[in-house]
Amino acid sequence: TGTIAVGKSFVAEKLVERVREKGQQAHHLNIDQLIRDVYAEDSAGAQMMREAMADILGDEVLTEHRNDVNRGVLAKKLFAKDCPQELREQIQDLTGPHVMRKYREFLNGKKGLIVLEWAQLAEMRVSNWTNHHVIVVDSPDKEAFASMRGIEAERLTELAKVQRTAEEKVKAIEIEMSNDHHGLVLCYQNHLRYDVEEAKSDLEPLVDQVTELFTTLFSEPQ
């Protein structure tokens, strides 16, 4: 997890790639994409979910034909600083069963390491999905990453107002960890590297930490 424009996807993909190079099975799941699939799903259950979301948050949270969720509007409403936690939990209760269904479909038949990527892991208080084993990615080169993705500086400033910082995410996850008495937060600073091999080299200490965390996985032949 981490804020926008810190290279979460790159870190997740290269972590999975490196684990595979070590001879173990590994898989990457972007929860944001899974949620997008749920929001736009053409099913009676998904439509009931969308209508219930509109009843709570207003019709503007849906697209014109009500067959998808306007994610920009939804994000502004749910992650505003004055948004009560109870409202987030209401929406999570509506979407959660659908997301969990898709999540289980993804996990079905897979072995090895599963790397979940989700910017809102801490905000939605679901770090228990990974037994509270979480890598929080941050970057001193956030502005450069944002520019590469075509995100304007003004938009980055707006997002910063409604997103938790890396430090705030760590604190939130640590609270969940202490409640369940297990878990580990790893913090990773992702520097912009134009050389892919150099970037992969930067990741080696993180790969070693993950290897140490899942000693059983890496000690058993696959």
C-alpha atoms as a PDB file:
ATOM      1  CA  THR A   1       0.000   0.000   0.000  1.00  0.00           C
ATOM      2  CA  GLY A   2       0.964   3.661  -0.202  1.00  0.00           C
ATOM      3  CA  THR A   3      -0.214   6.984  -1.571  1.00  0.00           C
ATOM      4  CA  ILE A   4      -0.647   7.782  -5.250  1.00  0.00           C
ATOM      5  CA  ALA A   5       2.431   8.109  -7.479  1.00  0.00           C
ATOM      6  CA  VAL A   6       4.960   6.208  -5.389  1.00  0.00           C
ATOM      7  CA  GLY A   7       5.355   3.215  -7.728  1.00  0.00           C
ATOM      8  CA  LYS A   8       3.309   0.623  -5.811  1.00  0.00           C
ATOM      9  CA  SER A   9       2.550  -1.402  -8.931  1.00  0.00           C
ATOM     10  CA  PHE A  10       6.202  -1.486  -9.970  1.00  0.00           C
ATOM     11  CA  VAL A  11       7.276  -2.642  -6.497  1.00  0.00           C
ATOM     12  CA  ALA A  12       4.583  -5.332  -6.415  1.00  0.00           C
ATOM     13  CA  GLU A  13       5.359  -6.595  -9.910  1.00  0.00           C
ATOM     14  CA  LYS A  14       9.118  -6.708  -9.383  1.00  0.00           C
ATOM     15  CA  LEU A  15       8.716  -8.366  -5.987  1.00  0.00           C
ATOM     16  CA  VAL A  16       6.641 -11.119  -7.589  1.00  0.00           C
ATOM     17  CA  GLU A  17       9.133 -11.406 -10.443  1.00  0.00           C
ATOM     18  CA  ARG A  18      12.069 -11.768  -8.053  1.00  0.00           C
ATOM     19  CA  VAL A  19      10.290 -14.381  -5.926  1.00  0.00           C
ATOM     20  CA  ARG A  20       9.590 -16.391  -9.081  1.00  0.00           C
ATOM     21  CA  GLU A  21      13.266 -16.168  -9.984  1.00  0.00           C
ATOM     22  CA  LYS A  22      13.964 -17.807  -6.621  1.00  0.00           C
ATOM     23  CA  GLY A  23      11.918 -20.780  -7.798  1.00  0.00           C
ATOM     24  CA  GLN A  24       8.730 -20.065  -5.855  1.00  0.00           C
ATOM     25  CA  GLN A  25       5.232 -19.383  -7.089  1.00  0.00           C
ATOM     26  CA  ALA A  26       4.026 -15.789  -6.666  1.00  0.00           C
ATOM     27  CA  HIS A  27       1.022 -13.776  -7.826  1.00  0.00           C
ATOM     28  CA  HIS A  28       0.101 -10.069  -7.928  1.00  0.00           C
ATOM     29  CA  LEU A  29      -3.447  -8.827  -7.392  1.00  0.00           C
ATOM     30  CA  ASN A  30      -4.361  -5.155  -7.784  1.00  0.00           C
ATOM     31  CA  ILE A  31      -7.391  -4.715  -5.526  1.00  0.00           C
ATOM     32  CA  ASP A  32      -8.310  -1.421  -7.209  1.00  0.00           C
ATOM     33  CA  GLN A  33      -8.774  -3.260 -10.509  1.00  0.00           C
ATOM     34  CA  LEU A  34     -10.793  -5.954  -8.765  1.00  0.00           C
ATOM     35  CA  ILE A  35     -13.043  -3.268  -7.247  1.00  0.00           C
ATOM     36  CA  ARG A  36     -13.450  -1.595 -10.648  1.00  0.00           C
ATOM     37  CA  ASP A  37     -14.621  -4.952 -11.985  1.00  0.00           C
ATOM     38  CA  VAL A  38     -17.150  -5.219  -9.140  1.00  0.00           C
ATOM     39  CA  TYR A  39     -18.465  -1.671  -9.687  1.00  0.00           C
ATOM     40  CA  ALA A  40     -19.101  -2.317 -13.386  1.00  0.00           C
ATOM     41  CA  GLU A  41     -20.265  -5.923 -13.097  1.00  0.00           C
ATOM     42  CA  ASP A  42     -23.352  -6.709 -15.165  1.00  0.00           C
ATOM     43  CA  SER A  43     -25.384  -8.642 -12.619  1.00  0.00           C
ATOM     44  CA  ALA A  44     -28.515  -8.169 -10.534  1.00  0.00           C
ATOM     45  CA  GLY A  45     -26.489  -8.264  -7.332  1.00  0.00           C
ATOM     46  CA  ALA A  46     -24.069  -5.591  -8.528  1.00  0.00           C
ATOM     47  CA  GLN A  47     -26.949  -3.345  -9.621  1.00  0.00           C
ATOM     48  CA  MET A  48     -28.563  -3.685  -6.198  1.00  0.00           C
ATOM     49  CA  MET A  49     -25.224  -2.727  -4.656  1.00  0.00           C
ATOM     50  CA  ARG A  50     -24.918   0.344  -6.895  1.00  0.00           C
ATOM     51  CA  GLU A  51     -28.447   1.515  -6.119  1.00  0.00           C
ATOM     52  CA  ALA A  52     -27.846   1.094  -2.390  1.00  0.00           C
ATOM     53  CA  MET A  53     -24.659   3.171  -2.696  1.00  0.00           C
ATOM     54  CA  ALA A  54     -26.643   5.893  -4.480  1.00  0.00           C
ATOM     55  CA  ASP A  55     -29.268   5.873  -1.714  1.00  0.00           C
ATOM     56  CA  ILE A  56     -26.515   6.575   0.830  1.00  0.00           C
ATOM     57  CA  LEU A  57     -24.203   8.910  -1.105  1.00  0.00           C
ATOM     58  CA  GLY A  58     -26.440  10.448  -3.764  1.00  0.00           C
ATOM     59  CA  ASP A  59     -27.093   9.674  -7.442  1.00  0.00           C
ATOM     60  CA  GLU A  60     -23.916  11.487  -8.513  1.00  0.00           C
ATOM     61  CA  VAL A  61     -21.942   8.514  -7.211  1.00  0.00           C
ATOM     62  CA  LEU A  62     -23.201   6.519 -10.229  1.00  0.00           C
ATOM     63  CA  THR A  63     -22.541   7.047 -13.933  1.00  0.00           C
ATOM     64  CA  GLU A  64     -25.264   8.329 -16.255  1.00  0.00           C
ATOM     65  CA  HIS A  65     -26.736   4.911 -17.021  1.00  0.00           C
ATOM     66  CA  ARG A  66     -26.294   3.704 -13.423  1.00  0.00           C
ATOM     67  CA  ASN A  67     -24.314   0.680 -14.631  1.00  0.00           C
ATOM     68  CA  ASP A  68     -21.025   1.752 -13.052  1.00  0.00           C
ATOM     69  CA  VAL A  69     -19.718   3.772 -10.105  1.00  0.00           C
ATOM     70  CA  ASN A  70     -18.213   7.226 -10.555  1.00  0.00           C
ATOM     71  CA  ARG A  71     -15.003   6.442  -8.697  1.00  0.00           C
ATOM     72  CA  GLY A  72     -13.819  10.062  -8.572  1.00  0.00           C
ATOM     73  CA  VAL A  73     -16.989  11.200  -6.794  1.00  0.00           C
ATOM     74  CA  LEU A  74     -16.913   8.165  -4.518  1.00  0.00           C
ATOM     75  CA  ALA A  75     -13.300   8.796  -3.502  1.00  0.00           C
ATOM     76  CA  LYS A  76     -13.967  12.451  -2.700  1.00  0.00           C
ATOM     77  CA  LYS A  77     -16.903  11.514  -0.487  1.00  0.00           C
ATOM     78  CA  LEU A  78     -15.327   8.578   1.340  1.00  0.00           C
ATOM     79  CA  PHE A  79     -11.859   9.973   1.909  1.00  0.00           C
ATOM     80  CA  ALA A  80     -12.727  13.530   2.823  1.00  0.00           C
ATOM     81  CA  LYS A  81     -11.291  14.431   6.210  1.00  0.00           C
ATOM     82  CA  ASP A  82     -14.777  14.999   7.642  1.00  0.00           C
ATOM     83  CA  CYS A  83     -16.186  11.693   6.373  1.00  0.00           C
ATOM     84  CA  PRO A  84     -17.292   9.626   9.390  1.00  0.00           C
ATOM     85  CA  GLN A  85     -15.860   6.135   9.689  1.00  0.00           C
ATOM     86  CA  GLU A  86     -19.411   4.803   9.983  1.00  0.00           C
ATOM     87  CA  LEU A  87     -20.169   5.948   6.428  1.00  0.00           C
ATOM     88  CA  ARG A  88     -17.072   4.205   5.063  1.00  0.00           C
ATOM     89  CA  GLU A  89     -18.108   1.057   6.900  1.00  0.00           C
ATOM     90  CA  GLN A  90     -21.599   1.242   5.374  1.00  0.00           C
ATOM     91  CA  ILE A  91     -20.163   1.307   1.877  1.00  0.00           C
ATOM     92  CA  GLN A  92     -17.661  -1.393   2.771  1.00  0.00           C
ATOM     93  CA  ASP A  93     -20.518  -3.582   4.034  1.00  0.00           C
ATOM     94  CA  LEU A  94     -22.263  -3.147   0.664  1.00  0.00           C
ATOM     95  CA  THR A  95     -19.262  -3.768  -1.555  1.00  0.00           C
ATOM     96  CA  GLY A  96     -17.321  -6.135   0.699  1.00  0.00           C
ATOM     97  CA  PRO A  97     -19.150  -9.385  -0.147  1.00  0.00           C
ATOM     98  CA  HIS A  98     -18.746  -8.752  -3.892  1.00  0.00           C
ATOM     99  CA  VAL A  99     -15.073  -7.848  -3.538  1.00  0.00           C
ATOM    100  CA  MET A 100     -14.457 -10.890  -1.334  1.00  0.00           C
ATOM    101  CA  ARG A 101     -16.130 -13.126  -3.920  1.00  0.00           C
ATOM    102  CA  LYS A 102     -13.811 -11.809  -6.635  1.00  0.00           C
ATOM    103  CA  TYR A 103     -10.870 -12.097  -4.253  1.00  0.00           C
ATOM    104  CA  ARG A 104     -11.634 -15.766  -3.557  1.00  0.00           C
ATOM    105  CA  GLU A 105     -12.023 -16.426  -7.265  1.00  0.00           C
ATOM    106  CA  PHE A 106      -8.526 -15.014  -7.787  1.00  0.00           C
ATOM    107  CA  LEU A 107      -7.050 -17.079  -4.944  1.00  0.00           C
ATOM    108  CA  ASN A 108      -8.688 -20.324  -6.065  1.00  0.00           C
ATOM    109  CA  GLY A 109      -6.040 -22.900  -6.965  1.00  0.00           C
ATOM    110  CA  LYS A 110      -3.083 -20.574  -6.429  1.00  0.00           C
ATOM    111  CA  LYS A 111      -0.078 -21.503  -4.303  1.00  0.00           C
ATOM    112  CA  GLY A 112       2.910 -19.560  -3.069  1.00  0.00           C
ATOM    113  CA  LEU A 113       3.131 -15.851  -2.296  1.00  0.00           C
ATOM    114  CA  ILE A 114       0.162 -13.582  -2.966  1.00  0.00           C
ATOM    115  CA  VAL A 115       1.030  -9.882  -3.219  1.00  0.00           C
ATOM    116  CA  LEU A 116      -2.009  -7.624  -2.819  1.00  0.00           C
ATOM    117  CA  GLU A 117      -1.777  -4.021  -3.975  1.00  0.00           C
ATOM    118  CA  TRP A 118      -4.277  -1.476  -2.651  1.00  0.00           C
ATOM    119  CA  ALA A 119      -3.825   2.202  -1.866  1.00  0.00           C
ATOM    120  CA  GLN A 120      -6.733   2.183   0.607  1.00  0.00           C
ATOM    121  CA  LEU A 121      -5.777  -0.909   2.599  1.00  0.00           C
ATOM    122  CA  ALA A 122      -5.283   1.070   5.819  1.00  0.00           C
ATOM    123  CA  GLU A 123      -8.237   3.418   5.299  1.00  0.00           C
ATOM    124  CA  MET A 124     -10.617   0.507   4.790  1.00  0.00           C
ATOM    125  CA  ARG A 125      -9.113  -1.311   7.796  1.00  0.00           C
ATOM    126  CA  VAL A 126      -8.637  -4.619   5.949  1.00  0.00           C
ATOM    127  CA  SER A 127      -4.961  -5.287   6.600  1.00  0.00           C
ATOM    128  CA  ASN A 128      -6.230  -8.536   8.145  1.00  0.00           C
ATOM    129  CA  TRP A 129      -6.597  -9.749   4.534  1.00  0.00           C
ATOM    130  CA  THR A 130      -2.826 -10.219   4.614  1.00  0.00           C
ATOM    131  CA  ASN A 131      -2.600 -11.134   8.308  1.00  0.00           C
ATOM    132  CA  HIS A 132      -1.406  -7.531   8.779  1.00  0.00           C
ATOM    133  CA  HIS A 133       1.812  -8.263   6.845  1.00  0.00           C
ATOM    134  CA  VAL A 134       2.007  -5.017   4.884  1.00  0.00           C
ATOM    135  CA  ILE A 135       4.614  -3.224   2.791  1.00  0.00           C
ATOM    136  CA  VAL A 136       4.053   0.544   2.910  1.00  0.00           C
ATOM    137  CA  VAL A 137       5.654   2.163  -0.142  1.00  0.00           C
ATOM    138  CA  ASP A 138       6.678   5.811  -0.153  1.00  0.00           C
ATOM    139  CA  SER A 139       8.953   7.813  -2.447  1.00  0.00           C
ATOM    140  CA  PRO A 140      11.019  11.007  -2.307  1.00  0.00           C
ATOM    141  CA  ASP A 141      10.428  11.240  -6.073  1.00  0.00           C
ATOM    142  CA  LYS A 142       6.634  11.393  -5.938  1.00  0.00           C
ATOM    143  CA  GLU A 143       6.379  14.521  -8.093  1.00  0.00           C
ATOM    144  CA  ALA A 144       8.522  12.947 -10.811  1.00  0.00           C
ATOM    145  CA  PHE A 145       6.443   9.738 -10.723  1.00  0.00           C
ATOM    146  CA  ALA A 146       3.258  11.823 -10.942  1.00  0.00           C
ATOM    147  CA  SER A 147       4.607  13.748 -13.932  1.00  0.00           C
ATOM    148  CA  MET A 148       5.447  10.495 -15.717  1.00  0.00           C
ATOM    149  CA  ARG A 149       1.841   9.360 -15.201  1.00  0.00           C
ATOM    150  CA  GLY A 150       0.413  12.659 -16.412  1.00  0.00           C
ATOM    151  CA  ILE A 151      -0.897  13.662 -12.983  1.00  0.00           C
ATOM    152  CA  GLU A 152      -0.774  17.432 -12.650  1.00  0.00           C
ATOM    153  CA  ALA A 153       0.760  19.010  -9.559  1.00  0.00           C
ATOM    154  CA  GLU A 154      -2.606  20.576  -8.660  1.00  0.00           C
ATOM    155  CA  ARG A 155      -4.301  17.174  -8.738  1.00  0.00           C
ATOM    156  CA  LEU A 156      -1.527  15.719  -6.583  1.00  0.00           C
ATOM    157  CA  THR A 157      -2.111  18.481  -4.015  1.00  0.00           C
ATOM    158  CA  GLU A 158      -5.866  17.792  -4.015  1.00  0.00           C
ATOM    159  CA  LEU A 159      -5.301  14.076  -3.500  1.00  0.00           C
ATOM    160  CA  ALA A 160      -2.902  14.759  -0.644  1.00  0.00           C
ATOM    161  CA  LYS A 161      -5.752  16.457   1.228  1.00  0.00           C
ATOM    162  CA  VAL A 162      -7.928  13.328   1.198  1.00  0.00           C
ATOM    163  CA  GLN A 163      -5.285  10.594   1.365  1.00  0.00           C
ATOM    164  CA  ARG A 164      -3.406   9.442   4.419  1.00  0.00           C
ATOM    165  CA  THR A 165       0.345   9.853   4.324  1.00  0.00           C
ATOM    166  CA  ALA A 166       2.612   6.814   4.461  1.00  0.00           C
ATOM    167  CA  GLU A 167       3.252   7.535   8.143  1.00  0.00           C
ATOM    168  CA  GLU A 168      -0.482   7.718   8.891  1.00  0.00           C
ATOM    169  CA  LYS A 169      -1.059   4.457   7.036  1.00  0.00           C
ATOM    170  CA  VAL A 170       1.640   2.755   9.111  1.00  0.00           C
ATOM    171  CA  LYS A 171       0.078   3.968  12.363  1.00  0.00           C
ATOM    172  CA  ALA A 172      -3.395   2.792  11.312  1.00  0.00           C
ATOM    173  CA  ILE A 173      -2.120  -0.649  10.334  1.00  0.00           C
ATOM    174  CA  GLU A 174      -0.135  -0.959  13.563  1.00  0.00           C
ATOM    175  CA  ILE A 175      -3.345  -0.356  15.537  1.00  0.00           C
ATOM    176  CA  GLU A 176      -5.025  -3.216  13.665  1.00  0.00           C
ATOM    177  CA  MET A 177      -1.930  -5.362  14.256  1.00  0.00           C
ATOM    178  CA  SER A 178      -1.986  -4.720  18.000  1.00  0.00           C
ATOM    179  CA  ASN A 179      -5.684  -5.616  18.162  1.00  0.00           C
ATOM    180  CA  ASP A 180      -5.033  -9.002  16.535  1.00  0.00           C
ATOM    181  CA  HIS A 181      -1.598  -9.529  18.135  1.00  0.00           C
ATOM    182  CA  HIS A 182       0.251 -10.356  14.928  1.00  0.00           C
ATOM    183  CA  GLY A 183       1.600  -8.799  11.747  1.00  0.00           C
ATOM    184  CA  LEU A 184       4.581  -6.851  10.471  1.00  0.00           C
ATOM    185  CA  VAL A 185       4.832  -3.545   8.607  1.00  0.00           C
ATOM    186  CA  LEU A 186       7.752  -3.119   6.217  1.00  0.00           C
ATOM    187  CA  CYS A 187       8.484   0.406   4.948  1.00  0.00           C
ATOM    188  CA  TYR A 188      10.072   0.817   1.528  1.00  0.00           C
ATOM    189  CA  GLN A 189      11.381   4.013  -0.081  1.00  0.00           C
ATOM    190  CA  ASN A 190      10.968   3.675  -3.847  1.00  0.00           C
ATOM    191  CA  HIS A 191      13.446   5.853  -5.722  1.00  0.00           C
ATOM    192  CA  LEU A 192      12.938   6.721  -9.370  1.00  0.00           C
ATOM    193  CA  ARG A 193      15.376   4.636 -11.384  1.00  0.00           C
ATOM    194  CA  TYR A 194      15.522   4.825 -15.167  1.00  0.00           C
ATOM    195  CA  ASP A 195      17.583   1.638 -15.241  1.00  0.00           C
ATOM    196  CA  VAL A 196      15.304  -1.328 -14.481  1.00  0.00           C
ATOM    197  CA  GLU A 197      18.149  -3.512 -13.263  1.00  0.00           C
ATOM    198  CA  GLU A 198      19.213  -0.803 -10.832  1.00  0.00           C
ATOM    199  CA  ALA A 199      15.642  -0.530  -9.568  1.00  0.00           C
ATOM    200  CA  LYS A 200      15.489  -4.299  -9.076  1.00  0.00           C
ATOM    201  CA  SER A 201      18.763  -4.154  -7.164  1.00  0.00           C
ATOM    202  CA  ASP A 202      17.216  -1.570  -4.832  1.00  0.00           C
ATOM    203  CA  LEU A 203      14.451  -4.067  -4.083  1.00  0.00           C
ATOM    204  CA  GLU A 204      16.760  -6.861  -2.914  1.00  0.00           C
ATOM    205  CA  PRO A 205      16.685  -5.893   0.807  1.00  0.00           C
ATOM    206  CA  LEU A 206      12.867  -5.936   0.640  1.00  0.00           C
ATOM    207  CA  VAL A 207      12.906  -9.322  -1.097  1.00  0.00           C
ATOM    208  CA  ASP A 208      15.152 -10.627   1.690  1.00  0.00           C
ATOM    209  CA  GLN A 209      12.720  -9.327   4.330  1.00  0.00           C
ATOM    210  CA  VAL A 210       9.788 -11.027   2.624  1.00  0.00           C
ATOM    211  CA  THR A 211      11.793 -14.238   2.306  1.00  0.00           C
ATOM    212  CA  GLU A 212      12.551 -14.123   6.036  1.00  0.00           C
ATOM    213  CA  LEU A 213       8.901 -13.394   6.860  1.00  0.00           C
ATOM    214  CA  PHE A 214       7.637 -16.425   4.956  1.00  0.00           C
ATOM    215  CA  THR A 215      10.353 -18.886   5.921  1.00  0.00           C
ATOM    216  CA  THR A 216       8.069 -21.922   5.574  1.00  0.00           C
ATOM    217  CA  LEU A 217       7.162 -21.005   2.011  1.00  0.00           C
ATOM    218  CA  PHE A 218      10.744 -20.487   0.958  1.00  0.00           C
ATOM    219  CA  SER A 219      12.079 -23.585   2.718  1.00  0.00           C
ATOM    220  CA  GLU A 220       9.643 -25.980   1.053  1.00  0.00           C
ATOM    221  CA  PRO A 221      10.151 -27.193  -2.533  1.00  0.00           C
ATOM    222  CA  GLN A 222       7.330 -26.230  -4.889  1.00  0.00           C
END
